[in-house]
Amino acid sequence: MNNLLLYSKPDCHLCEEMKIIVLKIRKEKNFNFQVININEDKLLYEKYREKIPVLELNGRIIAKFRIDEDKLKNCLLRN
C-alpha cells in the first residue's frame, strides 16, 4: 500500500489546499496518509521552513507547494 506524507504547518493556506486534494483522491484510491507538522520537529522545521507543503510518496518527494489531482493520481498509479 502507498504511503503519503504531507509536511505542513498551521496557518498555511497552500498546505490546506494540498490536503484537500489528497483527501479527495483518497475517497477513490486506497493509501495511507499522514500530516506532519514541521513546527513539532526542529530538524524538519530547519529542512522545510518556508518550502512547504511537501508531499512525499513512499519516501520520495512528488510535490512542493502545489499538486493537481491528475498528477497525484498518476503518481499513485506508478507505485
N, C-alpha and C. Protein backbone atom coordinates (compact mmCIF):
# COMPACT_ATOMS: atom_id res chain seq x y z
N MET A 1 0.84 -1.18 0.00
CA MET A 1 0.00 0.00 0.00
C MET A 1 0.88 1.24 0.00
N ASN A 2 0.45 2.26 -0.73
CA ASN A 2 1.19 3.51 -0.81
C ASN A 2 1.05 4.31 0.48
N ASN A 3 2.13 5.03 0.81
CA ASN A 3 2.15 5.90 1.99
C ASN A 3 2.44 7.33 1.55
N LEU A 4 1.53 8.22 1.87
CA LEU A 4 1.70 9.64 1.57
C LEU A 4 1.94 10.40 2.86
N LEU A 5 2.96 11.26 2.85
CA LEU A 5 3.23 12.16 3.97
C LEU A 5 3.13 13.59 3.47
N LEU A 6 2.44 14.42 4.21
CA LEU A 6 2.34 15.83 3.89
C LEU A 6 3.05 16.62 4.99
N TYR A 7 4.16 17.25 4.62
CA TYR A 7 4.87 18.11 5.57
C TYR A 7 4.20 19.47 5.50
N SER A 8 3.76 19.94 6.66
CA SER A 8 2.88 21.09 6.73
C SER A 8 3.12 21.85 8.03
N LYS A 9 2.42 22.96 8.18
CA LYS A 9 2.38 23.66 9.47
C LYS A 9 1.06 24.43 9.55
N PRO A 10 0.65 24.78 10.75
CA PRO A 10 -0.62 25.50 10.92
C PRO A 10 -0.61 26.84 10.18
N ASP A 11 -1.79 27.27 9.78
CA ASP A 11 -2.00 28.56 9.11
C ASP A 11 -1.27 28.67 7.78
N CYS A 12 -1.15 27.57 7.09
CA CYS A 12 -0.51 27.54 5.77
C CYS A 12 -1.60 27.24 4.74
N HIS A 13 -1.97 28.24 3.95
CA HIS A 13 -3.08 28.03 3.01
C HIS A 13 -2.73 27.04 1.90
N LEU A 14 -1.48 27.03 1.45
CA LEU A 14 -1.08 26.07 0.44
C LEU A 14 -1.15 24.63 0.98
N CYS A 15 -0.79 24.49 2.25
CA CYS A 15 -0.87 23.17 2.90
C CYS A 15 -2.31 22.68 2.94
N GLU A 16 -3.21 23.56 3.28
CA GLU A 16 -4.63 23.19 3.34
C GLU A 16 -5.15 22.81 1.96
N GLU A 17 -4.73 23.55 0.93
CA GLU A 17 -5.16 23.24 -0.43
C GLU A 17 -4.68 21.85 -0.85
N MET A 18 -3.41 21.54 -0.53
CA MET A 18 -2.87 20.24 -0.90
C MET A 18 -3.58 19.13 -0.12
N LYS A 19 -3.86 19.37 1.14
CA LYS A 19 -4.54 18.38 1.97
C LYS A 19 -5.92 18.07 1.41
N ILE A 20 -6.64 19.08 0.97
CA ILE A 20 -7.97 18.90 0.39
C ILE A 20 -7.90 18.00 -0.84
N ILE A 21 -6.90 18.23 -1.69
CA ILE A 21 -6.74 17.41 -2.90
C ILE A 21 -6.43 15.97 -2.53
N VAL A 22 -5.52 15.77 -1.59
CA VAL A 22 -5.16 14.41 -1.17
C VAL A 22 -6.38 13.69 -0.60
N LEU A 23 -7.13 14.36 0.25
CA LEU A 23 -8.31 13.73 0.86
C LEU A 23 -9.38 13.41 -0.18
N LYS A 24 -9.50 14.25 -1.20
CA LYS A 24 -10.45 13.99 -2.28
C LYS A 24 -10.06 12.73 -3.04
N ILE A 25 -8.78 12.59 -3.37
CA ILE A 25 -8.29 11.43 -4.10
C ILE A 25 -8.38 10.18 -3.23
N ARG A 26 -8.22 10.36 -1.94
CA ARG A 26 -8.28 9.22 -1.01
C ARG A 26 -9.65 8.55 -1.01
N LYS A 27 -10.68 9.28 -1.39
CA LYS A 27 -12.02 8.69 -1.50
C LYS A 27 -12.09 7.69 -2.65
N GLU A 28 -11.19 7.87 -3.65
CA GLU A 28 -11.18 7.00 -4.83
C GLU A 28 -10.11 5.91 -4.74
N LYS A 29 -9.01 6.22 -4.13
CA LYS A 29 -7.86 5.32 -4.07
C LYS A 29 -7.54 4.98 -2.62
N ASN A 30 -6.97 3.80 -2.41
CA ASN A 30 -6.63 3.37 -1.07
C ASN A 30 -5.14 3.61 -0.81
N PHE A 31 -4.83 4.45 0.17
CA PHE A 31 -3.45 4.69 0.57
C PHE A 31 -3.43 5.24 1.99
N ASN A 32 -2.29 5.09 2.64
CA ASN A 32 -2.11 5.67 3.97
C ASN A 32 -1.75 7.14 3.80
N PHE A 33 -2.25 7.96 4.70
CA PHE A 33 -1.98 9.41 4.63
C PHE A 33 -1.72 9.94 6.02
N GLN A 34 -0.64 10.70 6.13
CA GLN A 34 -0.27 11.31 7.41
C GLN A 34 0.18 12.74 7.18
N VAL A 35 -0.27 13.64 8.04
CA VAL A 35 0.17 15.03 8.01
C VAL A 35 1.19 15.23 9.12
N ILE A 36 2.35 15.77 8.76
CA ILE A 36 3.43 16.01 9.71
C ILE A 36 3.56 17.51 9.91
N ASN A 37 3.39 17.97 11.14
CA ASN A 37 3.55 19.38 11.48
C ASN A 37 5.04 19.64 11.71
N ILE A 38 5.65 20.41 10.82
CA ILE A 38 7.09 20.66 10.93
C ILE A 38 7.45 21.49 12.15
N ASN A 39 6.48 22.20 12.70
CA ASN A 39 6.75 23.00 13.90
C ASN A 39 7.04 22.14 15.12
N GLU A 40 6.69 20.86 15.06
CA GLU A 40 6.88 19.96 16.19
C GLU A 40 8.21 19.22 16.15
N ASP A 41 9.01 19.48 15.13
CA ASP A 41 10.30 18.80 14.97
C ASP A 41 11.33 19.80 14.47
N LYS A 42 12.31 20.10 15.29
CA LYS A 42 13.31 21.13 14.95
C LYS A 42 14.02 20.83 13.64
N LEU A 43 14.40 19.57 13.42
CA LEU A 43 15.11 19.20 12.20
C LEU A 43 14.23 19.37 10.95
N LEU A 44 12.97 18.95 11.06
CA LEU A 44 12.06 19.13 9.93
C LEU A 44 11.79 20.60 9.67
N TYR A 45 11.69 21.37 10.73
CA TYR A 45 11.47 22.81 10.56
C TYR A 45 12.65 23.44 9.82
N GLU A 46 13.85 23.09 10.23
CA GLU A 46 15.05 23.63 9.57
C GLU A 46 15.11 23.19 8.11
N LYS A 47 14.70 21.97 7.83
CA LYS A 47 14.77 21.42 6.48
C LYS A 47 13.74 22.07 5.55
N TYR A 48 12.51 22.24 6.03
CA TYR A 48 11.41 22.68 5.16
C TYR A 48 10.96 24.13 5.36
N ARG A 49 11.20 24.68 6.50
CA ARG A 49 10.83 26.04 6.88
C ARG A 49 9.80 26.71 5.98
N GLU A 50 10.21 27.34 4.91
CA GLU A 50 9.30 28.05 4.00
C GLU A 50 9.09 27.28 2.69
N LYS A 51 9.46 26.02 2.65
CA LYS A 51 9.37 25.22 1.43
C LYS A 51 8.17 24.28 1.47
N ILE A 52 7.18 24.58 2.26
CA ILE A 52 6.04 23.70 2.42
C ILE A 52 4.85 24.22 1.62
N PRO A 53 3.91 23.39 1.33
CA PRO A 53 3.83 21.98 1.68
C PRO A 53 4.73 21.12 0.80
N VAL A 54 5.13 20.00 1.36
CA VAL A 54 5.89 18.99 0.63
C VAL A 54 5.12 17.69 0.76
N LEU A 55 4.91 17.05 -0.38
CA LEU A 55 4.18 15.78 -0.40
C LEU A 55 5.15 14.68 -0.80
N GLU A 56 5.20 13.66 0.05
CA GLU A 56 6.12 12.56 -0.15
C GLU A 56 5.33 11.27 -0.34
N LEU A 57 5.68 10.51 -1.36
CA LEU A 57 5.04 9.23 -1.65
C LEU A 57 6.08 8.13 -1.50
N ASN A 58 5.86 7.24 -0.54
CA ASN A 58 6.77 6.12 -0.30
C ASN A 58 8.22 6.56 -0.18
N GLY A 59 8.45 7.68 0.53
CA GLY A 59 9.80 8.16 0.78
C GLY A 59 10.39 9.04 -0.30
N ARG A 60 9.62 9.34 -1.35
CA ARG A 60 10.12 10.17 -2.45
C ARG A 60 9.24 11.41 -2.58
N ILE A 61 9.87 12.58 -2.65
CA ILE A 61 9.11 13.82 -2.81
C ILE A 61 8.49 13.86 -4.20
N ILE A 62 7.18 14.06 -4.23
CA ILE A 62 6.48 14.15 -5.52
C ILE A 62 5.92 15.54 -5.78
N ALA A 63 5.88 16.40 -4.76
CA ALA A 63 5.35 17.75 -4.98
C ALA A 63 5.81 18.70 -3.88
N LYS A 64 6.01 19.94 -4.28
CA LYS A 64 6.26 21.04 -3.35
C LYS A 64 5.30 22.16 -3.73
N PHE A 65 4.74 22.79 -2.74
CA PHE A 65 3.84 23.93 -2.90
C PHE A 65 2.45 23.59 -3.45
N ARG A 66 2.38 22.88 -4.58
CA ARG A 66 1.08 22.56 -5.18
C ARG A 66 1.13 21.21 -5.89
N ILE A 67 -0.04 20.58 -5.99
CA ILE A 67 -0.20 19.38 -6.81
C ILE A 67 -1.63 19.38 -7.32
N ASP A 68 -1.79 18.90 -8.55
CA ASP A 68 -3.17 18.78 -9.04
C ASP A 68 -3.61 17.32 -8.96
N GLU A 69 -4.88 17.12 -9.08
CA GLU A 69 -5.45 15.78 -8.91
C GLU A 69 -4.87 14.78 -9.89
N ASP A 70 -4.72 15.18 -11.15
CA ASP A 70 -4.21 14.25 -12.16
C ASP A 70 -2.78 13.82 -11.85
N LYS A 71 -1.94 14.74 -11.44
CA LYS A 71 -0.56 14.38 -11.13
C LYS A 71 -0.52 13.40 -9.94
N LEU A 72 -1.31 13.67 -8.93
CA LEU A 72 -1.33 12.77 -7.77
C LEU A 72 -1.83 11.38 -8.16
N LYS A 73 -2.89 11.31 -8.95
CA LYS A 73 -3.41 10.02 -9.41
C LYS A 73 -2.35 9.26 -10.19
N ASN A 74 -1.64 9.94 -11.09
CA ASN A 74 -0.60 9.29 -11.88
C ASN A 74 0.54 8.79 -11.01
N CYS A 75 0.94 9.56 -10.04
CA CYS A 75 2.00 9.12 -9.11
C CYS A 75 1.57 7.88 -8.35
N LEU A 76 0.33 7.85 -7.92
CA LEU A 76 -0.16 6.69 -7.17
C LEU A 76 -0.24 5.44 -8.06
N LEU A 77 -0.58 5.63 -9.32
CA LEU A 77 -0.67 4.51 -10.25
C LEU A 77 0.70 3.89 -10.54
N ARG A 78 1.73 4.73 -10.60
CA ARG A 78 3.07 4.26 -10.95
C ARG A 78 3.75 3.53 -9.80
N ASN A 79 3.21 3.62 -8.60
CA ASN A 79 3.84 2.98 -7.46
C ASN A 79 3.11 1.74 -7.03
